[in-house]
């Protein structure tokens, strides 16, 4: 592992831990964590690898960061997750670059699904959630009218899944890409 990669991973690890703590405690991933992560990730990539291309340098970080963030934009637009999650994903992509960002996307998705299931079970909300899904489909199929009472909003701190999936991807990179 190069000194630059060690620095990038250290910065990323610290940012992820802070994001998890603030997301769990305050339902917020602060800009003071995400913006420096993006800037430092791209800056260190630029200093060590230059502009680069798809697999190295600033270009790799920019493309990976934008691609990873875009996965969450629909959820943020619908209010299902916060913009802090989107910016944290961008920072993860800027630090990891390609091809590790692809593993991170897969691992974050897997841990997110598991986290959602565990959280719903923990909160005793499985049947409520399944009933809400069935009602939404029935409304779409015109089998019933839309309800006027809003469904309860549940908070699942996605920063936890982003961190766990990213750490998994970092381990994967060390094992498979050297």
C-alpha atoms as a PDB file:
ATOM      1  CA  UNK A   1       0.000   0.000   0.000  1.00  0.00           C
ATOM      2  CA  UNK A   2       1.424   3.351  -1.017  1.00  0.00           C
ATOM      3  CA  UNK A   3       1.629   6.265   1.429  1.00  0.00           C
ATOM      4  CA  UNK A   4      -0.982   8.147  -0.619  1.00  0.00           C
ATOM      5  CA  UNK A   5      -3.383   5.203  -0.546  1.00  0.00           C
ATOM      6  CA  UNK A   6      -2.840   4.898   3.201  1.00  0.00           C
ATOM      7  CA  UNK A   7      -3.614   8.621   3.595  1.00  0.00           C
ATOM      8  CA  UNK A   8      -6.737   8.322   1.425  1.00  0.00           C
ATOM      9  CA  UNK A   9      -8.011   5.309   3.337  1.00  0.00           C
ATOM     10  CA  UNK A  10      -7.314   6.990   6.688  1.00  0.00           C
ATOM     11  CA  UNK A  11      -9.218  10.112   5.649  1.00  0.00           C
ATOM     12  CA  UNK A  12     -12.045   7.960   4.319  1.00  0.00           C
ATOM     13  CA  UNK A  13     -12.175   5.833   7.465  1.00  0.00           C
ATOM     14  CA  UNK A  14     -12.324   8.869   9.760  1.00  0.00           C
ATOM     15  CA  UNK A  15     -15.029  10.497   7.614  1.00  0.00           C
ATOM     16  CA  UNK A  16     -17.098   7.293   7.608  1.00  0.00           C
ATOM     17  CA  UNK A  17     -16.902   6.866  11.381  1.00  0.00           C
ATOM     18  CA  UNK A  18     -17.950  10.493  11.953  1.00  0.00           C
ATOM     19  CA  UNK A  19     -20.770  10.097   9.409  1.00  0.00           C
ATOM     20  CA  UNK A  20     -22.081   6.977  11.162  1.00  0.00           C
ATOM     21  CA  UNK A  21     -22.062   8.618  14.582  1.00  0.00           C
ATOM     22  CA  UNK A  22     -23.785  11.800  13.419  1.00  0.00           C
ATOM     23  CA  UNK A  23     -26.285   9.906  11.248  1.00  0.00           C
ATOM     24  CA  UNK A  24     -27.292   7.591  14.091  1.00  0.00           C
ATOM     25  CA  UNK A  25     -27.414  10.301  16.762  1.00  0.00           C
ATOM     26  CA  UNK A  26     -28.654  13.339  14.818  1.00  0.00           C
ATOM     27  CA  UNK A  27     -29.986  11.950  11.514  1.00  0.00           C
ATOM     28  CA  UNK A  28     -27.476  14.118   9.709  1.00  0.00           C
ATOM     29  CA  UNK A  29     -24.249  13.657   7.768  1.00  0.00           C
ATOM     30  CA  UNK A  30     -22.618  17.083   7.977  1.00  0.00           C
ATOM     31  CA  UNK A  31     -21.192  18.982   5.026  1.00  0.00           C
ATOM     32  CA  UNK A  32     -18.118  19.497   7.221  1.00  0.00           C
ATOM     33  CA  UNK A  33     -17.450  15.775   6.705  1.00  0.00           C
ATOM     34  CA  UNK A  34     -18.522  15.249   3.092  1.00  0.00           C
ATOM     35  CA  UNK A  35     -17.043  18.280   1.329  1.00  0.00           C
ATOM     36  CA  UNK A  36     -13.522  17.904   2.789  1.00  0.00           C
ATOM     37  CA  UNK A  37     -13.680  14.175   1.943  1.00  0.00           C
ATOM     38  CA  UNK A  38     -14.422  14.996  -1.706  1.00  0.00           C
ATOM     39  CA  UNK A  39     -11.775  17.739  -1.919  1.00  0.00           C
ATOM     40  CA  UNK A  40      -9.065  15.764  -0.114  1.00  0.00           C
ATOM     41  CA  UNK A  41      -9.845  12.594  -2.065  1.00  0.00           C
ATOM     42  CA  UNK A  42      -9.572  14.335  -5.425  1.00  0.00           C
ATOM     43  CA  UNK A  43      -6.634  16.474  -4.294  1.00  0.00           C
ATOM     44  CA  UNK A  44      -4.543  13.522  -3.132  1.00  0.00           C
ATOM     45  CA  UNK A  45      -5.428  11.601  -6.281  1.00  0.00           C
ATOM     46  CA  UNK A  46      -4.364  14.580  -8.363  1.00  0.00           C
ATOM     47  CA  UNK A  47      -1.060  15.067  -6.545  1.00  0.00           C
ATOM     48  CA  UNK A  48      -0.113  11.389  -6.649  1.00  0.00           C
ATOM     49  CA  UNK A  49      -1.619  10.216  -9.964  1.00  0.00           C
ATOM     50  CA  UNK A  50      -2.273  13.383 -11.952  1.00  0.00           C
ATOM     51  CA  UNK A  51      -5.320  13.860 -14.147  1.00  0.00           C
ATOM     52  CA  UNK A  52      -5.284  10.152 -15.030  1.00  0.00           C
ATOM     53  CA  UNK A  53      -8.030   8.218 -16.737  1.00  0.00           C
ATOM     54  CA  UNK A  54     -10.742   5.730 -15.880  1.00  0.00           C
ATOM     55  CA  UNK A  55      -8.612   3.706 -13.457  1.00  0.00           C
ATOM     56  CA  UNK A  56      -6.428   6.385 -11.868  1.00  0.00           C
ATOM     57  CA  UNK A  57      -6.113  10.026 -11.004  1.00  0.00           C
ATOM     58  CA  UNK A  58      -8.654  12.780 -10.700  1.00  0.00           C
ATOM     59  CA  UNK A  59     -10.742  11.548 -13.636  1.00  0.00           C
ATOM     60  CA  UNK A  60     -11.249   8.173 -11.955  1.00  0.00           C
ATOM     61  CA  UNK A  61     -12.223   9.842  -8.693  1.00  0.00           C
ATOM     62  CA  UNK A  62     -14.630  12.272 -10.363  1.00  0.00           C
ATOM     63  CA  UNK A  63     -16.363   9.609 -12.426  1.00  0.00           C
ATOM     64  CA  UNK A  64     -16.564   7.183  -9.517  1.00  0.00           C
ATOM     65  CA  UNK A  65     -17.819   9.866  -7.136  1.00  0.00           C
ATOM     66  CA  UNK A  66     -20.460  11.129  -9.533  1.00  0.00           C
ATOM     67  CA  UNK A  67     -21.564   7.614 -10.446  1.00  0.00           C
ATOM     68  CA  UNK A  68     -21.887   6.457  -6.860  1.00  0.00           C
ATOM     69  CA  UNK A  69     -23.757   9.601  -5.815  1.00  0.00           C
ATOM     70  CA  UNK A  70     -26.170   9.297  -8.737  1.00  0.00           C
ATOM     71  CA  UNK A  71     -27.350   5.971  -7.353  1.00  0.00           C
ATOM     72  CA  UNK A  72     -28.911   7.793  -4.401  1.00  0.00           C
ATOM     73  CA  UNK A  73     -30.246  10.934  -6.098  1.00  0.00           C
ATOM     74  CA  UNK A  74     -33.698   9.421  -6.837  1.00  0.00           C
ATOM     75  CA  UNK A  75     -34.099   8.487  -3.184  1.00  0.00           C
ATOM     76  CA  UNK A  76     -33.039  11.952  -2.048  1.00  0.00           C
ATOM     77  CA  UNK A  77     -35.401  13.642  -4.501  1.00  0.00           C
ATOM     78  CA  UNK A  78     -38.312  11.610  -3.130  1.00  0.00           C
ATOM     79  CA  UNK A  79     -37.299  12.349   0.461  1.00  0.00           C
ATOM     80  CA  UNK A  80     -36.449   8.719   1.194  1.00  0.00           C
ATOM     81  CA  UNK A  81     -32.889   9.592   2.183  1.00  0.00           C
ATOM     82  CA  UNK A  82     -30.888  12.686   2.891  1.00  0.00           C
ATOM     83  CA  UNK A  83     -28.547  14.640   0.676  1.00  0.00           C
ATOM     84  CA  UNK A  84     -25.785  13.922   3.194  1.00  0.00           C
ATOM     85  CA  UNK A  85     -25.957  10.279   2.104  1.00  0.00           C
ATOM     86  CA  UNK A  86     -25.569  11.356  -1.526  1.00  0.00           C
ATOM     87  CA  UNK A  87     -22.566  13.564  -0.744  1.00  0.00           C
ATOM     88  CA  UNK A  88     -20.982  10.848   1.406  1.00  0.00           C
ATOM     89  CA  UNK A  89     -21.323   8.405  -1.504  1.00  0.00           C
ATOM     90  CA  UNK A  90     -19.682  10.987  -3.766  1.00  0.00           C
ATOM     91  CA  UNK A  91     -16.791  11.256  -1.323  1.00  0.00           C
ATOM     92  CA  UNK A  92     -16.421   7.479  -1.165  1.00  0.00           C
ATOM     93  CA  UNK A  93     -16.270   7.314  -4.958  1.00  0.00           C
ATOM     94  CA  UNK A  94     -13.731  10.164  -5.139  1.00  0.00           C
ATOM     95  CA  UNK A  95     -11.427   8.315  -2.757  1.00  0.00           C
ATOM     96  CA  UNK A  96     -11.869   4.768  -4.116  1.00  0.00           C
ATOM     97  CA  UNK A  97     -12.001   5.388  -7.872  1.00  0.00           C
ATOM     98  CA  UNK A  98     -12.436   2.543 -10.341  1.00  0.00           C
ATOM     99  CA  UNK A  99     -12.786  -0.463 -10.146  1.00  0.00           C
ATOM    100  CA  UNK A 100     -13.189  -0.499  -6.356  1.00  0.00           C
ATOM    101  CA  UNK A 101     -16.187   1.828  -6.569  1.00  0.00           C
ATOM    102  CA  UNK A 102     -18.128  -0.942  -8.336  1.00  0.00           C
ATOM    103  CA  UNK A 103     -17.501  -3.294  -5.434  1.00  0.00           C
ATOM    104  CA  UNK A 104     -18.449  -0.518  -3.009  1.00  0.00           C
ATOM    105  CA  UNK A 105     -21.770   0.043  -4.805  1.00  0.00           C
ATOM    106  CA  UNK A 106     -22.587  -3.662  -4.581  1.00  0.00           C
ATOM    107  CA  UNK A 107     -21.506  -4.034  -0.963  1.00  0.00           C
ATOM    108  CA  UNK A 108     -23.289  -0.837   0.142  1.00  0.00           C
ATOM    109  CA  UNK A 109     -26.476  -2.095  -1.527  1.00  0.00           C
ATOM    110  CA  UNK A 110     -26.206  -5.466   0.203  1.00  0.00           C
ATOM    111  CA  UNK A 111     -25.535  -3.983   3.624  1.00  0.00           C
ATOM    112  CA  UNK A 112     -28.324  -1.427   3.073  1.00  0.00           C
ATOM    113  CA  UNK A 113     -30.847  -4.155   2.313  1.00  0.00           C
ATOM    114  CA  UNK A 114     -29.775  -6.145   5.355  1.00  0.00           C
ATOM    115  CA  UNK A 115     -29.869  -3.017   7.521  1.00  0.00           C
ATOM    116  CA  UNK A 116     -33.400  -2.189   6.344  1.00  0.00           C
ATOM    117  CA  UNK A 117     -34.645  -5.699   7.128  1.00  0.00           C
ATOM    118  CA  UNK A 118     -33.014  -5.750  10.559  1.00  0.00           C
ATOM    119  CA  UNK A 119     -34.292  -2.256  11.390  1.00  0.00           C
ATOM    120  CA  UNK A 120     -37.846  -3.092  10.346  1.00  0.00           C
ATOM    121  CA  UNK A 121     -37.754  -6.290  12.390  1.00  0.00           C
ATOM    122  CA  UNK A 122     -36.259  -4.448  15.368  1.00  0.00           C
ATOM    123  CA  UNK A 123     -38.936  -1.747  15.213  1.00  0.00           C
ATOM    124  CA  UNK A 124     -41.694  -4.314  14.714  1.00  0.00           C
ATOM    125  CA  UNK A 125     -42.682  -2.626  11.480  1.00  0.00           C
ATOM    126  CA  UNK A 126     -42.515  -5.505   9.020  1.00  0.00           C
ATOM    127  CA  UNK A 127     -46.294  -5.960   8.715  1.00  0.00           C
ATOM    128  CA  UNK A 128     -46.883  -2.187   8.565  1.00  0.00           C
ATOM    129  CA  UNK A 129     -44.343  -1.915   5.768  1.00  0.00           C
ATOM    130  CA  UNK A 130     -45.765  -4.842   3.794  1.00  0.00           C
ATOM    131  CA  UNK A 131     -49.300  -3.441   4.204  1.00  0.00           C
ATOM    132  CA  UNK A 132     -48.131  -0.016   2.984  1.00  0.00           C
ATOM    133  CA  UNK A 133     -46.521  -1.599  -0.086  1.00  0.00           C
ATOM    134  CA  UNK A 134     -49.727  -3.527  -0.821  1.00  0.00           C
ATOM    135  CA  UNK A 135     -51.801  -0.336  -0.441  1.00  0.00           C
ATOM    136  CA  UNK A 136     -49.508   1.577  -2.828  1.00  0.00           C
ATOM    137  CA  UNK A 137     -49.862  -1.150  -5.453  1.00  0.00           C
ATOM    138  CA  UNK A 138     -53.628  -1.286  -4.987  1.00  0.00           C
ATOM    139  CA  UNK A 139     -53.820   2.495  -5.530  1.00  0.00           C
ATOM    140  CA  UNK A 140     -51.655   2.226  -8.667  1.00  0.00           C
ATOM    141  CA  UNK A 141     -53.860  -0.541 -10.024  1.00  0.00           C
ATOM    142  CA  UNK A 142     -56.946   1.606  -9.238  1.00  0.00           C
ATOM    143  CA  UNK A 143     -58.293  -1.055  -6.855  1.00  0.00           C
ATOM    144  CA  UNK A 144     -58.557   1.453  -4.038  1.00  0.00           C
ATOM    145  CA  UNK A 145     -58.347   5.190  -3.444  1.00  0.00           C
ATOM    146  CA  UNK A 146     -55.254   6.844  -2.100  1.00  0.00           C
ATOM    147  CA  UNK A 147     -55.264   7.290   1.644  1.00  0.00           C
ATOM    148  CA  UNK A 148     -55.129  10.768   3.043  1.00  0.00           C
ATOM    149  CA  UNK A 149     -53.313   9.790   6.212  1.00  0.00           C
ATOM    150  CA  UNK A 150     -49.549   9.649   5.702  1.00  0.00           C
ATOM    151  CA  UNK A 151     -47.658   6.510   6.566  1.00  0.00           C
ATOM    152  CA  UNK A 152     -45.304   6.754   9.546  1.00  0.00           C
ATOM    153  CA  UNK A 153     -41.826   7.898   8.572  1.00  0.00           C
ATOM    154  CA  UNK A 154     -39.078   5.586   9.714  1.00  0.00           C
ATOM    155  CA  UNK A 155     -35.459   6.611   9.857  1.00  0.00           C
ATOM    156  CA  UNK A 156     -32.862   4.124   8.731  1.00  0.00           C
ATOM    157  CA  UNK A 157     -29.423   5.754   9.012  1.00  0.00           C
ATOM    158  CA  UNK A 158     -27.987   4.810   5.612  1.00  0.00           C
ATOM    159  CA  UNK A 159     -24.599   6.200   6.662  1.00  0.00           C
ATOM    160  CA  UNK A 160     -24.121   2.920   8.530  1.00  0.00           C
ATOM    161  CA  UNK A 161     -24.559   0.901   5.324  1.00  0.00           C
ATOM    162  CA  UNK A 162     -22.352   3.274   3.366  1.00  0.00           C
ATOM    163  CA  UNK A 163     -19.597   2.813   5.944  1.00  0.00           C
ATOM    164  CA  UNK A 164     -19.925  -0.969   6.236  1.00  0.00           C
ATOM    165  CA  UNK A 165     -20.138  -1.469   2.470  1.00  0.00           C
ATOM    166  CA  UNK A 166     -17.168   0.826   1.890  1.00  0.00           C
ATOM    167  CA  UNK A 167     -15.019  -0.937   4.483  1.00  0.00           C
ATOM    168  CA  UNK A 168     -16.008  -4.237   2.848  1.00  0.00           C
ATOM    169  CA  UNK A 169     -14.953  -2.850  -0.556  1.00  0.00           C
ATOM    170  CA  UNK A 170     -11.640  -1.656   0.868  1.00  0.00           C
ATOM    171  CA  UNK A 171     -10.995  -5.133   2.263  1.00  0.00           C
ATOM    172  CA  UNK A 172     -12.024  -6.631  -1.100  1.00  0.00           C
ATOM    173  CA  UNK A 173      -9.619  -4.340  -2.928  1.00  0.00           C
ATOM    174  CA  UNK A 174      -6.760  -5.364  -0.644  1.00  0.00           C
ATOM    175  CA  UNK A 175      -7.535  -9.064  -1.175  1.00  0.00           C
ATOM    176  CA  UNK A 176      -8.170  -9.034  -4.930  1.00  0.00           C
ATOM    177  CA  UNK A 177      -6.441  -6.053  -6.469  1.00  0.00           C
ATOM    178  CA  UNK A 178      -3.405  -5.843  -4.236  1.00  0.00           C
END
